[in-house]
Amino acid sequence: MSKDTSFQGRRFVVVGAGSRTGQALAKAASAAGATVVLAGPDPRKLEWTAGELSGPSEVIALDLTDERSIAGFADAVGRFDHLVSTAAVPANGPLEDLQLEDVQRAFAAKVIGPLLLAKHLAGQVSENGSFTFFSGVAAWRPAPSRTVMATTNGALAFLVQALAVEIAPVRVNAVSPGIVDTGSWDGLGSDKEAFLRGVAERNPARRVGSTEDLVKAVFYAVDNPYVTGTVLHVDGGGRLA
């Protein structure tokens, strides 16, 4: 099998590169020949990800809750081809227990942060370049104690449409994962296997997602020059079940 060089010579920015999904995206982009810029709030996690890559990379700290940090990040990144942000700061819990600070951080990571990334970096995107952000199935299947998650994910879905118009011809899309075994469910302990099995039984696709599923969706959005203002649902049909 020939080596995938589809991103050879491209500069690929991964915001949230310390997460399991961000790491998978960075590894895949690096294996495909890209120079990968790893961004996030924890330099230690970014350095670990950098050590796992097969090609050149850069590590730049970024706080999506701070516009000065985003502006400084834009200066440090320079010109690039594609930016993908997996960033999220959940604020889950019963409505009566929600704290304003937690809600604001959730919106900063999922909605305001992407808006400011576009504000400060849209002028640095190369021809046929793109932004891809992560929404989530909660926007289409809200549940008790997930009100903030549903709202931020839904807001992002509309944001990518607005940005796709405003900063055209730069393309802007979103990937909306369903239940994916990225490690985020490990906190369930011994209940995790039964939970994921139940999800698979209900999903039309009869399985849960993997990080590879998400990487494929992101690369489709990134590499198809005729896709913009679109939400790609990678949820096994979970929003329909």
Protein backbone atom coordinates (compact mmCIF):
# COMPACT_ATOMS: atom_id res chain seq x y z
CA MET A 1 0.00 0.00 0.00
CA SER A 2 1.38 3.39 -0.97
CA LYS A 3 1.87 5.99 1.70
CA ASP A 4 -0.90 8.58 2.04
CA THR A 5 0.58 11.97 1.08
CA SER A 6 -2.72 13.81 0.55
CA PHE A 7 -1.67 16.64 2.90
CA GLN A 8 1.93 16.86 1.75
CA GLY A 9 3.17 20.42 2.10
CA ARG A 10 0.06 21.62 3.92
CA ARG A 11 -0.04 23.33 7.29
CA PHE A 12 -2.71 21.78 9.51
CA VAL A 13 -3.75 23.38 12.82
CA VAL A 14 -5.37 21.20 15.50
CA VAL A 15 -6.96 23.08 18.40
CA GLY A 16 -7.57 20.69 21.26
CA ALA A 17 -4.62 18.52 20.27
CA GLY A 18 -4.27 17.25 23.82
CA SER A 19 -7.60 15.39 23.66
CA ARG A 20 -7.98 11.83 22.39
CA THR A 21 -9.74 13.01 19.23
CA GLY A 22 -7.28 15.85 18.69
CA GLN A 23 -4.37 13.44 19.02
CA ALA A 24 -5.92 11.10 16.46
CA LEU A 25 -6.43 13.97 14.02
CA ALA A 26 -2.89 15.23 14.49
CA LYS A 27 -1.42 11.78 13.94
CA ALA A 28 -3.46 11.19 10.79
CA ALA A 29 -2.62 14.61 9.32
CA SER A 30 1.05 14.11 10.12
CA ALA A 31 1.05 10.64 8.53
CA ALA A 32 -0.49 12.20 5.41
CA GLY A 33 2.43 14.61 5.09
CA ALA A 34 1.19 17.76 6.83
CA THR A 35 3.11 20.04 9.14
CA VAL A 36 0.89 20.03 12.21
CA VAL A 37 0.42 22.94 14.60
CA LEU A 38 -0.73 21.63 17.98
CA ALA A 39 -2.76 24.07 20.09
CA GLY A 40 -4.47 23.91 23.45
CA PRO A 41 -4.28 25.15 27.04
CA ASP A 42 -1.92 22.46 28.39
CA PRO A 43 1.56 22.50 26.77
CA ARG A 44 2.47 19.20 28.44
CA LYS A 45 -0.30 17.35 26.61
CA LEU A 46 0.64 19.08 23.36
CA GLU A 47 4.27 18.05 23.73
CA TRP A 48 3.18 14.47 24.33
CA THR A 49 1.12 14.55 21.14
CA ALA A 50 4.05 16.06 19.24
CA GLY A 51 6.21 13.14 20.32
CA GLU A 52 3.73 10.74 18.72
CA LEU A 53 3.81 12.35 15.27
CA SER A 54 5.74 11.06 12.29
CA GLY A 55 6.41 14.47 10.76
CA PRO A 56 7.19 18.08 11.70
CA SER A 57 5.06 19.87 14.27
CA GLU A 58 4.83 23.03 16.33
CA VAL A 59 3.35 23.51 19.81
CA ILE A 60 1.54 26.77 20.62
CA ALA A 61 -0.42 27.36 23.83
CA LEU A 62 -3.95 28.69 23.30
CA ASP A 63 -6.76 29.72 25.65
CA LEU A 64 -10.06 30.00 23.77
CA THR A 65 -11.59 31.95 26.67
CA ASP A 66 -9.10 34.82 26.16
CA GLU A 67 -9.18 36.90 22.98
CA ARG A 68 -5.65 38.17 23.62
CA SER A 69 -4.45 34.58 23.61
CA ILE A 70 -6.27 33.95 20.32
CA ALA A 71 -4.78 37.09 18.74
CA GLY A 72 -1.29 36.05 19.87
CA PHE A 73 -1.91 32.57 18.54
CA ALA A 74 -2.81 34.00 15.14
CA ASP A 75 0.46 35.93 15.04
CA ALA A 76 2.42 32.80 15.96
CA VAL A 77 0.68 30.50 13.47
CA GLY A 78 1.07 32.66 10.38
CA ARG A 79 -0.29 31.30 7.12
CA PHE A 80 -1.95 27.86 7.19
CA ASP A 81 -4.22 25.61 5.15
CA HIS A 82 -6.73 24.05 7.55
CA LEU A 83 -7.77 24.49 11.16
CA VAL A 84 -9.76 21.92 13.11
CA SER A 85 -11.02 22.60 16.63
CA THR A 86 -12.25 19.80 18.88
CA ALA A 87 -12.42 22.12 21.90
CA ALA A 88 -15.23 21.71 24.41
CA VAL A 89 -15.71 22.54 28.08
CA PRO A 90 -18.88 20.76 29.24
CA ALA A 91 -21.21 22.38 31.76
CA ASN A 92 -23.56 19.51 32.47
CA GLY A 93 -25.97 19.13 35.34
CA PRO A 94 -29.51 19.99 36.43
CA LEU A 95 -30.66 23.46 35.46
CA GLU A 96 -30.99 24.58 39.07
CA ASP A 97 -27.35 23.67 39.76
CA LEU A 98 -25.76 25.46 36.80
CA GLN A 99 -23.16 28.12 37.60
CA LEU A 100 -22.84 31.15 35.32
CA GLU A 101 -19.06 30.85 35.15
CA ASP A 102 -19.29 27.26 33.94
CA VAL A 103 -21.90 28.17 31.33
CA GLN A 104 -19.76 31.04 30.07
CA ARG A 105 -16.72 28.77 29.73
CA ALA A 106 -18.78 26.25 27.78
CA PHE A 107 -19.88 28.96 25.33
CA ALA A 108 -16.35 30.34 25.13
CA ALA A 109 -14.91 27.00 24.05
CA LYS A 110 -17.65 25.91 21.67
CA VAL A 111 -19.12 29.14 20.23
CA ILE A 112 -17.23 32.34 21.09
CA GLY A 113 -13.82 30.70 20.67
CA PRO A 114 -14.54 29.49 17.11
CA LEU A 115 -16.00 32.91 16.26
CA LEU A 116 -12.81 34.62 17.46
CA LEU A 117 -10.60 32.07 15.71
CA ALA A 118 -12.33 33.00 12.48
CA LYS A 119 -12.02 36.71 13.29
CA HIS A 120 -8.27 36.57 13.87
CA LEU A 121 -7.19 33.83 11.47
CA ALA A 122 -9.49 33.98 8.43
CA GLY A 123 -7.09 36.30 6.63
CA GLN A 124 -4.27 33.80 7.03
CA VAL A 125 -5.97 30.80 5.38
CA SER A 126 -4.49 29.69 2.06
CA GLU A 127 -6.51 29.17 -1.12
CA ASN A 128 -8.99 26.27 -0.73
CA GLY A 129 -8.39 26.36 3.03
CA SER A 130 -10.94 25.70 5.74
CA PHE A 131 -12.09 25.75 9.34
CA THR A 132 -13.75 22.66 10.83
CA PHE A 133 -15.34 22.77 14.28
CA PHE A 134 -16.91 20.07 16.46
CA SER A 135 -20.60 20.24 17.31
CA GLY A 136 -22.42 17.24 18.83
CA VAL A 137 -25.53 15.10 18.76
CA ALA A 138 -26.91 16.70 21.94
CA ALA A 139 -28.11 19.63 19.84
CA TRP A 140 -30.46 17.31 17.95
CA ARG A 141 -31.33 15.03 20.88
CA PRO A 142 -31.43 17.22 24.00
CA ALA A 143 -31.69 15.50 27.34
CA PRO A 144 -32.15 16.54 30.97
CA SER A 145 -28.94 17.93 32.51
CA ARG A 146 -27.51 18.51 29.01
CA THR A 147 -29.16 21.87 28.29
CA VAL A 148 -25.91 23.81 27.96
CA MET A 149 -24.34 21.11 25.80
CA ALA A 150 -27.37 21.06 23.50
CA THR A 151 -27.42 24.85 23.21
CA THR A 152 -23.70 25.35 22.53
CA ASN A 153 -23.62 22.56 19.94
CA GLY A 154 -26.72 23.96 18.24
CA ALA A 155 -25.30 27.48 18.23
CA LEU A 156 -22.11 26.21 16.61
CA ALA A 157 -24.11 24.51 13.86
CA PHE A 158 -25.64 27.88 12.91
CA LEU A 159 -22.33 29.69 13.40
CA VAL A 160 -20.61 27.64 10.71
CA GLN A 161 -23.33 28.59 8.23
CA ALA A 162 -22.95 32.28 9.03
CA LEU A 163 -19.16 32.14 8.89
CA ALA A 164 -19.23 30.21 5.61
CA VAL A 165 -21.04 33.19 4.09
CA GLU A 166 -19.08 35.96 5.81
CA ILE A 167 -15.52 34.73 5.26
CA ALA A 168 -16.07 33.01 1.89
CA PRO A 169 -14.28 31.63 -0.05
CA VAL A 170 -12.71 30.18 3.11
CA ARG A 171 -14.78 27.09 3.87
CA VAL A 172 -16.33 26.50 7.28
CA ASN A 173 -17.90 23.21 8.39
CA ALA A 174 -18.73 21.24 11.50
CA VAL A 175 -18.55 17.59 12.47
CA SER A 176 -21.25 16.43 14.90
CA PRO A 177 -20.26 13.24 16.72
CA GLY A 178 -22.70 10.95 18.43
CA ILE A 179 -21.60 8.49 21.12
CA VAL A 180 -17.95 7.79 20.31
CA ASP A 181 -15.56 5.70 22.38
CA THR A 182 -12.85 8.34 22.72
CA GLY A 183 -12.18 7.69 26.39
CA SER A 184 -14.72 10.26 27.57
CA TRP A 185 -16.93 7.46 28.86
CA ASP A 186 -14.19 5.75 30.87
CA GLY A 187 -15.51 7.43 34.00
CA LEU A 188 -18.44 5.02 33.93
CA GLY A 189 -16.05 2.31 35.04
CA SER A 190 -17.56 -1.17 34.91
CA ASP A 191 -20.81 0.31 33.53
CA LYS A 192 -19.12 1.59 30.36
CA GLU A 193 -19.40 -1.63 28.37
CA ALA A 194 -23.12 -2.00 29.07
CA PHE A 195 -23.73 1.66 28.24
CA LEU A 196 -21.96 1.44 24.88
CA ARG A 197 -23.69 -1.84 24.08
CA GLY A 198 -27.07 -0.22 24.75
CA VAL A 199 -26.20 2.71 22.48
CA ALA A 200 -25.18 0.32 19.69
CA GLU A 201 -28.43 -1.61 20.00
CA ARG A 202 -30.49 1.58 19.59
CA ASN A 203 -28.46 3.21 16.82
CA PRO A 204 -29.56 2.53 13.23
CA ALA A 205 -25.90 1.75 12.43
CA ARG A 206 -25.89 -0.78 15.31
CA ARG A 207 -22.53 0.38 16.64
CA VAL A 208 -20.87 3.20 18.52
CA GLY A 209 -18.33 5.48 16.90
CA SER A 210 -14.55 5.45 16.94
CA THR A 211 -11.96 8.18 16.63
CA GLU A 212 -11.21 6.82 13.14
CA ASP A 213 -14.81 7.61 12.13
CA LEU A 214 -14.31 11.21 13.24
CA VAL A 215 -10.97 11.55 11.47
CA LYS A 216 -12.53 10.34 8.20
CA ALA A 217 -15.33 12.89 8.51
CA VAL A 218 -12.95 15.74 9.24
CA PHE A 219 -10.72 14.83 6.31
CA TYR A 220 -13.77 14.73 4.02
CA ALA A 221 -14.76 18.25 5.13
CA VAL A 222 -11.19 19.48 4.81
CA ASP A 223 -10.41 17.94 1.45
CA ASN A 224 -13.65 18.48 -0.49
CA PRO A 225 -13.54 22.00 -2.02
CA TYR A 226 -17.31 22.02 -2.64
CA VAL A 227 -18.38 21.49 0.98
CA THR A 228 -18.99 24.53 3.18
CA GLY A 229 -21.56 25.66 5.74
CA THR A 230 -22.34 22.01 6.43
CA VAL A 231 -22.72 19.85 9.53
CA LEU A 232 -21.53 16.27 9.01
CA HIS A 233 -23.40 13.96 11.39
CA VAL A 234 -21.15 11.13 12.54
CA ASP A 235 -23.54 9.53 15.00
CA GLY A 236 -24.62 6.20 13.54
CA GLY A 237 -28.07 7.73 13.12
CA GLY A 238 -28.24 8.34 16.87
CA ARG A 239 -30.06 11.65 16.42
CA LEU A 240 -32.87 9.72 14.70
CA ALA A 241 -33.27 6.87 17.17
